[in-house]
Amino acid sequence: MYWRRFRVDDIPIDDIKTFESWLRMRWEEKDRLLEQFMQTGMFPSDDGAAMTAKAEVLTKDTQLGPRGHRYIETSVKNRSPFEFILIYVPLAVVTTIAYLLYRTIKGFV
């Protein structure tokens, strides 16, 4: 996965033409990132803070890719086996309640 955040102040929402241009540049950037991922199997690190990170921040998981760009690989793990269940239980409860309400309303019609 690759995450990138933008400050709301940096998004030009006041002018539709400027916003369309900004959004198109983000789509082109996304396409370049996906193409690079398809070729190398990795997303590049951000050219900003990650490239100027202090040496103690760079761990054994930090790798140098083409042209010296750093790649940071990490895994996303559950804290417990029940974490997965905690995500879907509220969804199941809401779905069940909606279904029961639907059946009740349909029964009155």
C-alpha atoms as a PDB file:
ATOM      1  CA  MET A   1       0.000   0.000   0.000  1.00  0.00           C
ATOM      2  CA  TYR A   2       1.057   3.557  -0.595  1.00  0.00           C
ATOM      3  CA  TRP A   3      -0.353   6.449   1.375  1.00  0.00           C
ATOM      4  CA  ARG A   4       0.017  10.113   0.692  1.00  0.00           C
ATOM      5  CA  ARG A   5      -1.676  12.928   2.548  1.00  0.00           C
ATOM      6  CA  PHE A   6      -2.415  16.439   1.372  1.00  0.00           C
ATOM      7  CA  ARG A   7      -3.180  19.426   3.540  1.00  0.00           C
ATOM      8  CA  VAL A   8      -6.637  20.787   2.801  1.00  0.00           C
ATOM      9  CA  ASP A   9      -5.085  24.240   2.388  1.00  0.00           C
ATOM     10  CA  ASP A  10      -2.887  22.865  -0.418  1.00  0.00           C
ATOM     11  CA  ILE A  11      -5.838  21.634  -2.485  1.00  0.00           C
ATOM     12  CA  PRO A  12      -7.051  24.404  -4.844  1.00  0.00           C
ATOM     13  CA  ILE A  13     -10.802  24.022  -4.364  1.00  0.00           C
ATOM     14  CA  ASP A  14     -11.669  27.687  -5.031  1.00  0.00           C
ATOM     15  CA  ASP A  15     -11.134  27.581  -8.803  1.00  0.00           C
ATOM     16  CA  ILE A  16     -12.582  24.672 -10.773  1.00  0.00           C
ATOM     17  CA  LYS A  17      -9.989  24.866 -13.588  1.00  0.00           C
ATOM     18  CA  THR A  18      -7.066  24.921 -11.156  1.00  0.00           C
ATOM     19  CA  PHE A  19      -8.611  22.063  -9.170  1.00  0.00           C
ATOM     20  CA  GLU A  20      -9.112  19.988 -12.335  1.00  0.00           C
ATOM     21  CA  SER A  21      -5.476  20.552 -13.275  1.00  0.00           C
ATOM     22  CA  TRP A  22      -4.280  19.662  -9.771  1.00  0.00           C
ATOM     23  CA  LEU A  23      -6.431  16.534  -9.733  1.00  0.00           C
ATOM     24  CA  ARG A  24      -5.223  15.468 -13.184  1.00  0.00           C
ATOM     25  CA  MET A  25      -1.603  15.838 -12.002  1.00  0.00           C
ATOM     26  CA  ARG A  26      -2.383  13.584  -9.004  1.00  0.00           C
ATOM     27  CA  TRP A  27      -3.884  10.959 -11.355  1.00  0.00           C
ATOM     28  CA  GLU A  28      -0.815  11.095 -13.603  1.00  0.00           C
ATOM     29  CA  GLU A  29       1.393  10.784 -10.525  1.00  0.00           C
ATOM     30  CA  LYS A  30      -0.643   7.766  -9.404  1.00  0.00           C
ATOM     31  CA  ASP A  31      -0.213   6.176 -12.829  1.00  0.00           C
ATOM     32  CA  ARG A  32       3.569   6.684 -12.650  1.00  0.00           C
ATOM     33  CA  LEU A  33       3.675   5.174  -9.163  1.00  0.00           C
ATOM     34  CA  LEU A  34       1.664   2.145 -10.263  1.00  0.00           C
ATOM     35  CA  GLU A  35       3.873   1.683 -13.319  1.00  0.00           C
ATOM     36  CA  GLN A  36       6.975   1.813 -11.111  1.00  0.00           C
ATOM     37  CA  PHE A  37       5.384  -0.656  -8.699  1.00  0.00           C
ATOM     38  CA  MET A  38       4.615  -3.039 -11.562  1.00  0.00           C
ATOM     39  CA  GLN A  39       8.260  -2.842 -12.704  1.00  0.00           C
ATOM     40  CA  THR A  40      10.038  -2.982  -9.330  1.00  0.00           C
ATOM     41  CA  GLY A  41       7.466  -4.424  -6.929  1.00  0.00           C
ATOM     42  CA  MET A  42       7.935  -1.444  -4.587  1.00  0.00           C
ATOM     43  CA  PHE A  43       6.636   2.068  -4.175  1.00  0.00           C
ATOM     44  CA  PRO A  44       9.266   4.799  -3.753  1.00  0.00           C
ATOM     45  CA  SER A  45       9.605   6.676  -0.512  1.00  0.00           C
ATOM     46  CA  ASP A  46       8.515  10.291  -0.393  1.00  0.00           C
ATOM     47  CA  ASP A  47      11.166  12.615  -1.810  1.00  0.00           C
ATOM     48  CA  GLY A  48      10.698  14.933   1.143  1.00  0.00           C
ATOM     49  CA  ALA A  49      11.120  13.821   4.727  1.00  0.00           C
ATOM     50  CA  ALA A  50      12.130  10.242   3.956  1.00  0.00           C
ATOM     51  CA  MET A  51      15.075  11.306   1.820  1.00  0.00           C
ATOM     52  CA  THR A  52      16.437  13.550   4.576  1.00  0.00           C
ATOM     53  CA  ALA A  53      15.739  11.137   7.431  1.00  0.00           C
ATOM     54  CA  LYS A  54      18.374  10.787  10.097  1.00  0.00           C
ATOM     55  CA  ALA A  55      20.557   7.677   9.983  1.00  0.00           C
ATOM     56  CA  GLU A  56      19.016   6.199  13.153  1.00  0.00           C
ATOM     57  CA  VAL A  57      15.565   6.304  11.514  1.00  0.00           C
ATOM     58  CA  LEU A  58      16.764   4.159   8.624  1.00  0.00           C
ATOM     59  CA  THR A  59      16.653   0.539   9.695  1.00  0.00           C
ATOM     60  CA  LYS A  60      17.738  -2.727   8.164  1.00  0.00           C
ATOM     61  CA  ASP A  61      14.374  -2.719   6.352  1.00  0.00           C
ATOM     62  CA  THR A  62      15.356   0.423   4.455  1.00  0.00           C
ATOM     63  CA  GLN A  63      16.537  -0.413   0.969  1.00  0.00           C
ATOM     64  CA  LEU A  64      17.981   1.682  -1.804  1.00  0.00           C
ATOM     65  CA  GLY A  65      16.166   1.342  -5.073  1.00  0.00           C
ATOM     66  CA  PRO A  66      16.989   2.621  -8.551  1.00  0.00           C
ATOM     67  CA  ARG A  67      18.709   6.026  -8.597  1.00  0.00           C
ATOM     68  CA  GLY A  68      19.263   5.882  -4.824  1.00  0.00           C
ATOM     69  CA  HIS A  69      15.641   6.341  -3.781  1.00  0.00           C
ATOM     70  CA  ARG A  70      14.853   4.733  -0.465  1.00  0.00           C
ATOM     71  CA  TYR A  71      12.161   2.103  -0.102  1.00  0.00           C
ATOM     72  CA  ILE A  72      10.786   1.198   3.268  1.00  0.00           C
ATOM     73  CA  GLU A  73       9.112  -2.177   3.578  1.00  0.00           C
ATOM     74  CA  THR A  74       6.950  -2.966   6.537  1.00  0.00           C
ATOM     75  CA  SER A  75       4.169  -5.360   7.335  1.00  0.00           C
ATOM     76  CA  VAL A  76       0.708  -4.634   8.653  1.00  0.00           C
ATOM     77  CA  LYS A  77      -0.301  -7.096  11.333  1.00  0.00           C
ATOM     78  CA  ASN A  78      -3.305  -7.543  13.569  1.00  0.00           C
ATOM     79  CA  ARG A  79      -2.693  -6.856  17.235  1.00  0.00           C
ATOM     80  CA  SER A  80      -4.875  -9.845  18.092  1.00  0.00           C
ATOM     81  CA  PRO A  81      -6.884 -12.482  16.246  1.00  0.00           C
ATOM     82  CA  PHE A  82     -10.069 -10.767  17.430  1.00  0.00           C
ATOM     83  CA  GLU A  83      -9.233  -7.453  15.766  1.00  0.00           C
ATOM     84  CA  PHE A  84     -10.608  -8.756  12.473  1.00  0.00           C
ATOM     85  CA  ILE A  85     -13.863  -9.689  14.211  1.00  0.00           C
ATOM     86  CA  LEU A  86     -14.139  -6.242  15.812  1.00  0.00           C
ATOM     87  CA  ILE A  87     -14.151  -4.679  12.369  1.00  0.00           C
ATOM     88  CA  TYR A  88     -17.028  -6.764  11.032  1.00  0.00           C
ATOM     89  CA  VAL A  89     -19.265  -7.241  14.095  1.00  0.00           C
ATOM     90  CA  PRO A  90     -20.697  -3.682  13.951  1.00  0.00           C
ATOM     91  CA  LEU A  91     -21.327  -4.118  10.223  1.00  0.00           C
ATOM     92  CA  ALA A  92     -23.096  -7.434  10.831  1.00  0.00           C
ATOM     93  CA  VAL A  93     -25.223  -5.918  13.616  1.00  0.00           C
ATOM     94  CA  VAL A  94     -26.284  -2.954  11.458  1.00  0.00           C
ATOM     95  CA  THR A  95     -27.051  -5.260   8.528  1.00  0.00           C
ATOM     96  CA  THR A  96     -29.110  -7.567  10.740  1.00  0.00           C
ATOM     97  CA  ILE A  97     -31.094  -4.675  12.214  1.00  0.00           C
ATOM     98  CA  ALA A  98     -31.710  -3.232   8.746  1.00  0.00           C
ATOM     99  CA  TYR A  99     -32.882  -6.631   7.495  1.00  0.00           C
ATOM    100  CA  LEU A 100     -35.231  -7.108  10.452  1.00  0.00           C
ATOM    101  CA  LEU A 101     -36.668  -3.609   9.983  1.00  0.00           C
ATOM    102  CA  TYR A 102     -37.146  -4.296   6.280  1.00  0.00           C
ATOM    103  CA  ARG A 103     -38.959  -7.578   7.003  1.00  0.00           C
ATOM    104  CA  THR A 104     -41.145  -5.873   9.611  1.00  0.00           C
ATOM    105  CA  ILE A 105     -42.078  -3.002   7.296  1.00  0.00           C
ATOM    106  CA  LYS A 106     -42.655  -5.390   4.390  1.00  0.00           C
ATOM    107  CA  GLY A 107     -44.939  -7.506   6.616  1.00  0.00           C
ATOM    108  CA  PHE A 108     -47.204  -4.516   7.288  1.00  0.00           C
ATOM    109  CA  VAL A 109     -47.597  -3.644   3.607  1.00  0.00           C
END
